[in-house]
Amino acid sequence: WVGECIENCNPGAVMVHAGKVLPFQDDDHVVFREVRGMTQLNEAGPLAIKRTGKYSFSISDTTNYGEYTGGGMVEQVKVPVTLHFNSYEHSCLHPRPDTRTEL
């Protein structure tokens, strides 16, 4: 996705070229590259987003970044998530109560 405008605000507002609806959802992560002016985004690493419209989303605070002057690509990335589970032994000794209702 090609960036069209990135505003210096909290949260930062990102608009992309209209034409295709963004496939991003809330809490997806994106990386930026080839951004001119607001070059801090190029090194920012994965940033969580909140979808704000068909062609826009918000990111973290950009008020201390340089002024956006153009360009930039936005790419969705997958971020690893660590899940924690009880041991099999613990689960056998302390099973969860059945919360289903009988019909």
Foldseek 3Di string as FASTA:
>chain_A
DKWDAWDQFAFIKTFRDPDAFDPDAFQWWKAKPPWPFQCVRNVVPTWTWHDDDRGMITTGHRNPGGHTDGIMDIDTDDDDDDDDDDDPVVCVVDPDDDPDDDD
